[in-house]
N, C-alpha and C. Protein backbone atom coordinates (compact mmCIF):
# COMPACT_ATOMS: atom_id res chain seq x y z
N UNK A 1 -13.43 -68.27 -44.87
CA UNK A 1 -14.61 -67.68 -44.55
C UNK A 1 -14.92 -66.54 -45.68
N UNK A 2 -16.19 -66.53 -46.13
CA UNK A 2 -16.56 -65.77 -47.41
C UNK A 2 -16.78 -64.20 -46.90
N UNK A 3 -16.52 -63.36 -47.92
CA UNK A 3 -16.86 -61.93 -47.56
C UNK A 3 -18.29 -61.56 -48.00
N UNK A 4 -18.72 -60.71 -47.29
CA UNK A 4 -20.18 -60.22 -47.51
C UNK A 4 -20.04 -58.66 -47.91
N UNK A 5 -21.00 -58.37 -48.69
CA UNK A 5 -21.24 -56.85 -49.14
C UNK A 5 -21.27 -55.96 -47.76
N UNK A 6 -20.91 -54.81 -48.04
CA UNK A 6 -20.97 -53.89 -47.01
C UNK A 6 -21.00 -52.55 -47.74
N UNK A 7 -21.96 -51.79 -47.03
CA UNK A 7 -22.26 -50.39 -47.73
C UNK A 7 -21.19 -49.62 -47.41
N UNK A 8 -20.27 -49.18 -48.59
CA UNK A 8 -19.08 -48.49 -48.16
C UNK A 8 -18.86 -47.66 -49.30
N UNK A 9 -18.06 -46.56 -49.13
CA UNK A 9 -17.63 -45.68 -50.36
C UNK A 9 -16.77 -46.30 -51.24
N UNK A 10 -16.94 -45.99 -52.52
CA UNK A 10 -15.88 -46.34 -53.43
C UNK A 10 -14.92 -45.18 -53.63
N UNK A 11 -13.73 -45.55 -53.63
CA UNK A 11 -12.61 -44.61 -53.67
C UNK A 11 -11.76 -44.78 -54.86
N UNK A 12 -11.61 -43.80 -55.57
CA UNK A 12 -10.76 -43.71 -56.75
C UNK A 12 -9.34 -43.70 -56.30
N UNK A 13 -8.58 -44.75 -56.78
CA UNK A 13 -7.09 -44.86 -56.56
C UNK A 13 -6.39 -44.79 -57.87
N UNK A 14 -5.06 -44.85 -57.85
CA UNK A 14 -4.22 -44.99 -58.93
C UNK A 14 -4.61 -46.29 -59.86
N UNK A 15 -5.08 -46.16 -61.02
CA UNK A 15 -5.46 -47.16 -61.91
C UNK A 15 -6.45 -48.08 -61.31
N UNK A 16 -7.52 -47.61 -60.80
CA UNK A 16 -8.59 -48.42 -60.27
C UNK A 16 -9.32 -47.80 -59.14
N UNK A 17 -10.14 -48.57 -58.53
CA UNK A 17 -11.23 -48.10 -57.49
C UNK A 17 -10.97 -49.26 -56.42
N UNK A 18 -11.36 -48.76 -54.99
CA UNK A 18 -11.43 -49.76 -53.91
C UNK A 18 -12.69 -49.37 -53.21
N UNK A 19 -13.11 -50.47 -52.54
CA UNK A 19 -14.18 -50.48 -51.49
C UNK A 19 -13.97 -51.67 -50.62
N UNK A 20 -14.81 -51.48 -49.38
CA UNK A 20 -14.46 -52.41 -48.48
C UNK A 20 -15.52 -53.57 -48.40
N UNK A 21 -15.31 -54.76 -47.86
CA UNK A 21 -16.30 -55.93 -47.57
C UNK A 21 -16.04 -56.31 -46.19
N UNK A 22 -17.01 -57.14 -45.60
CA UNK A 22 -16.71 -57.59 -44.25
C UNK A 22 -16.61 -59.08 -44.53
N UNK A 23 -15.70 -59.54 -43.57
CA UNK A 23 -15.59 -60.97 -43.33
C UNK A 23 -16.79 -61.53 -42.67
N UNK A 24 -17.40 -62.49 -43.27
CA UNK A 24 -18.74 -62.96 -42.68
C UNK A 24 -18.60 -63.50 -41.28
N UNK A 25 -19.53 -63.13 -40.47
CA UNK A 25 -19.53 -63.25 -39.04
C UNK A 25 -18.73 -62.69 -38.11
N UNK A 26 -18.00 -61.37 -38.66
CA UNK A 26 -17.16 -60.66 -37.91
C UNK A 26 -17.36 -59.34 -38.20
N UNK A 27 -16.59 -58.31 -37.58
CA UNK A 27 -16.51 -57.02 -37.95
C UNK A 27 -15.27 -56.60 -38.74
N UNK A 28 -14.54 -57.56 -39.17
CA UNK A 28 -13.25 -57.42 -39.77
C UNK A 28 -13.60 -56.98 -41.39
N UNK A 29 -12.93 -56.08 -41.71
CA UNK A 29 -13.19 -55.57 -43.17
C UNK A 29 -11.95 -55.81 -43.88
N UNK A 30 -12.16 -55.84 -45.41
CA UNK A 30 -11.16 -56.11 -46.20
C UNK A 30 -11.34 -55.25 -47.27
N UNK A 31 -10.28 -54.61 -47.74
CA UNK A 31 -10.29 -53.84 -48.70
C UNK A 31 -10.17 -54.59 -50.16
N UNK A 32 -11.09 -54.22 -51.27
CA UNK A 32 -11.03 -54.63 -52.42
C UNK A 32 -10.70 -53.84 -53.50
N UNK A 33 -9.59 -53.96 -54.21
CA UNK A 33 -9.13 -53.05 -55.28
C UNK A 33 -9.54 -53.70 -56.48
N UNK A 34 -10.31 -52.95 -57.52
CA UNK A 34 -10.73 -53.38 -58.80
C UNK A 34 -9.82 -52.39 -59.69
N UNK A 35 -9.15 -53.03 -60.67
CA UNK A 35 -8.20 -52.36 -61.44
C UNK A 35 -9.18 -51.93 -62.72
N UNK A 36 -8.66 -50.84 -63.33
CA UNK A 36 -9.30 -50.14 -64.38
C UNK A 36 -9.51 -51.20 -65.61
N UNK A 37 -8.50 -52.02 -65.80
CA UNK A 37 -8.57 -52.81 -66.93
C UNK A 37 -9.75 -54.03 -66.76
N UNK A 38 -10.00 -54.17 -65.42
CA UNK A 38 -11.23 -55.11 -65.25
C UNK A 38 -12.46 -54.50 -65.47
N UNK A 39 -12.50 -53.18 -65.62
CA UNK A 39 -13.65 -52.50 -65.78
C UNK A 39 -14.00 -51.92 -67.19
N UNK A 40 -12.83 -51.87 -67.95
CA UNK A 40 -12.89 -51.27 -69.36
C UNK A 40 -13.75 -51.81 -70.37
N UNK A 41 -13.97 -53.04 -70.35
CA UNK A 41 -14.66 -53.70 -71.34
C UNK A 41 -14.37 -53.45 -72.72
N UNK A 42 -15.20 -53.15 -73.63
CA UNK A 42 -15.12 -52.96 -75.04
C UNK A 42 -14.73 -51.49 -75.33
N UNK A 43 -15.00 -50.51 -74.43
CA UNK A 43 -14.80 -49.12 -74.61
C UNK A 43 -13.35 -48.67 -74.62
N UNK A 44 -12.85 -48.12 -75.69
CA UNK A 44 -11.47 -47.76 -75.88
C UNK A 44 -11.35 -46.27 -74.97
N UNK A 45 -10.42 -46.51 -74.04
CA UNK A 45 -10.08 -45.43 -72.98
C UNK A 45 -11.31 -44.70 -72.53
N UNK A 46 -12.12 -45.63 -71.74
CA UNK A 46 -13.29 -45.02 -71.09
C UNK A 46 -12.95 -43.91 -70.08
N UNK A 47 -13.86 -43.08 -69.74
CA UNK A 47 -13.76 -41.92 -68.90
C UNK A 47 -13.67 -42.63 -67.34
N UNK A 48 -13.30 -41.71 -66.35
CA UNK A 48 -13.47 -42.23 -65.04
C UNK A 48 -14.85 -42.43 -64.64
N UNK A 49 -15.81 -41.58 -65.21
CA UNK A 49 -17.35 -41.68 -64.98
C UNK A 49 -17.69 -42.95 -65.51
N UNK A 50 -17.24 -43.42 -66.79
CA UNK A 50 -17.80 -44.68 -67.44
C UNK A 50 -17.18 -45.98 -66.56
N UNK A 51 -15.90 -45.79 -66.05
CA UNK A 51 -15.43 -46.79 -65.31
C UNK A 51 -16.22 -46.90 -63.84
N UNK A 52 -16.32 -45.76 -63.39
CA UNK A 52 -17.24 -46.11 -62.01
C UNK A 52 -18.72 -46.56 -62.21
N UNK A 53 -19.23 -46.16 -63.24
CA UNK A 53 -20.57 -46.79 -63.71
C UNK A 53 -20.53 -48.12 -63.91
N UNK A 54 -19.42 -48.51 -64.55
CA UNK A 54 -19.31 -50.01 -64.83
C UNK A 54 -19.01 -50.93 -63.44
N UNK A 55 -18.50 -50.19 -62.51
CA UNK A 55 -18.25 -50.78 -61.28
C UNK A 55 -19.58 -50.83 -60.52
N UNK A 56 -20.28 -49.80 -60.44
CA UNK A 56 -21.57 -49.89 -59.73
C UNK A 56 -22.50 -51.03 -60.54
N UNK A 57 -22.32 -51.06 -61.82
CA UNK A 57 -23.32 -52.14 -62.44
C UNK A 57 -22.77 -53.51 -62.31
N UNK A 58 -21.56 -53.69 -62.13
CA UNK A 58 -20.89 -55.07 -61.82
C UNK A 58 -20.57 -55.40 -60.43
N UNK A 59 -20.93 -54.46 -59.47
CA UNK A 59 -20.42 -54.50 -58.08
C UNK A 59 -20.71 -56.01 -57.57
N UNK A 60 -21.96 -56.42 -57.67
CA UNK A 60 -22.22 -57.80 -57.10
C UNK A 60 -21.32 -58.95 -57.47
N UNK A 61 -21.19 -58.82 -58.86
CA UNK A 61 -20.39 -59.89 -59.61
C UNK A 61 -18.79 -59.70 -59.05
N UNK A 62 -18.30 -58.56 -58.98
CA UNK A 62 -17.22 -58.14 -58.43
C UNK A 62 -16.88 -58.66 -57.03
N UNK A 63 -17.95 -58.47 -56.16
CA UNK A 63 -17.98 -58.84 -54.84
C UNK A 63 -17.87 -60.33 -54.85
N UNK A 64 -18.60 -61.03 -55.50
CA UNK A 64 -18.43 -62.65 -55.68
C UNK A 64 -17.06 -63.01 -55.94
N UNK A 65 -16.42 -62.25 -56.94
CA UNK A 65 -15.10 -62.74 -57.39
C UNK A 65 -14.06 -62.40 -56.01
N UNK A 66 -14.19 -61.18 -55.49
CA UNK A 66 -13.58 -60.85 -54.22
C UNK A 66 -13.65 -61.94 -53.16
N UNK A 67 -14.82 -62.31 -52.78
CA UNK A 67 -15.07 -63.48 -51.87
C UNK A 67 -14.48 -64.75 -52.11
N UNK A 68 -14.50 -65.07 -53.42
CA UNK A 68 -13.89 -66.40 -53.90
C UNK A 68 -12.44 -66.28 -53.65
N UNK A 69 -11.84 -65.13 -54.12
CA UNK A 69 -10.42 -65.08 -54.03
C UNK A 69 -9.84 -64.99 -52.53
N UNK A 70 -10.62 -64.39 -51.74
CA UNK A 70 -10.43 -64.38 -50.27
C UNK A 70 -10.54 -65.80 -49.77
N UNK A 71 -11.53 -66.47 -49.96
CA UNK A 71 -11.63 -67.73 -49.50
C UNK A 71 -10.44 -68.84 -49.91
N UNK A 72 -9.82 -68.48 -50.98
CA UNK A 72 -8.82 -69.27 -51.48
C UNK A 72 -7.47 -68.65 -51.01
N UNK A 73 -7.40 -67.69 -50.34
CA UNK A 73 -6.16 -67.12 -49.79
C UNK A 73 -5.33 -66.36 -50.66
N UNK A 74 -6.21 -65.86 -51.75
CA UNK A 74 -5.49 -65.17 -52.69
C UNK A 74 -5.52 -63.55 -52.40
N UNK A 75 -4.85 -63.24 -51.41
CA UNK A 75 -4.75 -61.96 -50.80
C UNK A 75 -3.31 -61.36 -50.75
N UNK A 76 -3.32 -60.21 -51.01
CA UNK A 76 -1.87 -59.59 -50.98
C UNK A 76 -1.45 -59.52 -49.58
N UNK A 77 -0.31 -59.33 -49.43
CA UNK A 77 0.46 -59.43 -47.93
C UNK A 77 -0.18 -58.37 -47.05
N UNK A 78 -0.54 -57.18 -47.65
CA UNK A 78 -1.24 -56.07 -46.97
C UNK A 78 -2.78 -56.41 -46.71
N UNK A 79 -3.23 -57.46 -47.14
CA UNK A 79 -4.67 -57.83 -46.85
C UNK A 79 -5.63 -57.39 -47.84
N UNK A 80 -5.23 -56.87 -48.90
CA UNK A 80 -6.02 -56.30 -50.04
C UNK A 80 -6.24 -57.55 -50.91
N UNK A 81 -7.54 -57.50 -51.38
CA UNK A 81 -8.06 -58.44 -52.48
C UNK A 81 -7.83 -57.66 -53.94
N UNK A 82 -7.13 -57.93 -54.79
CA UNK A 82 -7.07 -57.27 -56.08
C UNK A 82 -7.94 -58.19 -57.16
N UNK A 83 -8.74 -57.27 -57.83
CA UNK A 83 -9.37 -58.03 -58.96
C UNK A 83 -8.95 -57.11 -60.23
N UNK A 84 -8.37 -58.08 -61.15
CA UNK A 84 -7.85 -57.50 -62.43
C UNK A 84 -8.56 -58.22 -63.59
N UNK A 85 -8.28 -57.92 -64.80
CA UNK A 85 -9.07 -58.48 -66.01
C UNK A 85 -8.68 -60.03 -65.90
N UNK A 86 -7.56 -60.52 -65.60
CA UNK A 86 -7.28 -61.80 -65.65
C UNK A 86 -8.29 -62.69 -64.62
N UNK A 87 -8.62 -62.22 -63.56
CA UNK A 87 -9.79 -62.74 -62.69
C UNK A 87 -11.06 -62.82 -63.25
N UNK A 88 -11.29 -62.09 -64.29
CA UNK A 88 -12.72 -61.94 -64.81
C UNK A 88 -12.83 -62.75 -66.37
N UNK A 89 -11.64 -63.17 -66.68
CA UNK A 89 -11.61 -63.86 -68.04
C UNK A 89 -12.41 -65.03 -68.18
N UNK A 90 -12.34 -65.90 -67.02
CA UNK A 90 -13.25 -67.05 -67.05
C UNK A 90 -14.70 -66.78 -67.32
N UNK A 91 -15.16 -65.57 -66.90
CA UNK A 91 -16.66 -65.17 -67.08
C UNK A 91 -16.85 -64.67 -68.32
N UNK A 92 -15.96 -64.24 -69.13
CA UNK A 92 -15.98 -63.35 -70.56
C UNK A 92 -16.17 -64.38 -71.54
N UNK A 93 -15.45 -65.48 -71.40
CA UNK A 93 -15.44 -66.49 -72.53
C UNK A 93 -16.74 -67.28 -72.64
């Protein structure tokens, strides 16, 4: 079942940000973690403000990646969907 967008706070964590999404057709939520390297782009050593701005700018696309990974069962044992640079490489090339 895919994930759907949920208005939720973005939380700064160690080396990334997290937010929640909802499993479609239910009230169950899933935590999505986006690593800093997935947000860095071409900026060398971006600030936390730059990273957060990039997350907000790319959130729709990041949510689509999270939903795809969730549907494929690519979820950590604790239920978190991790998004790293390697998940985004297919879109960059």
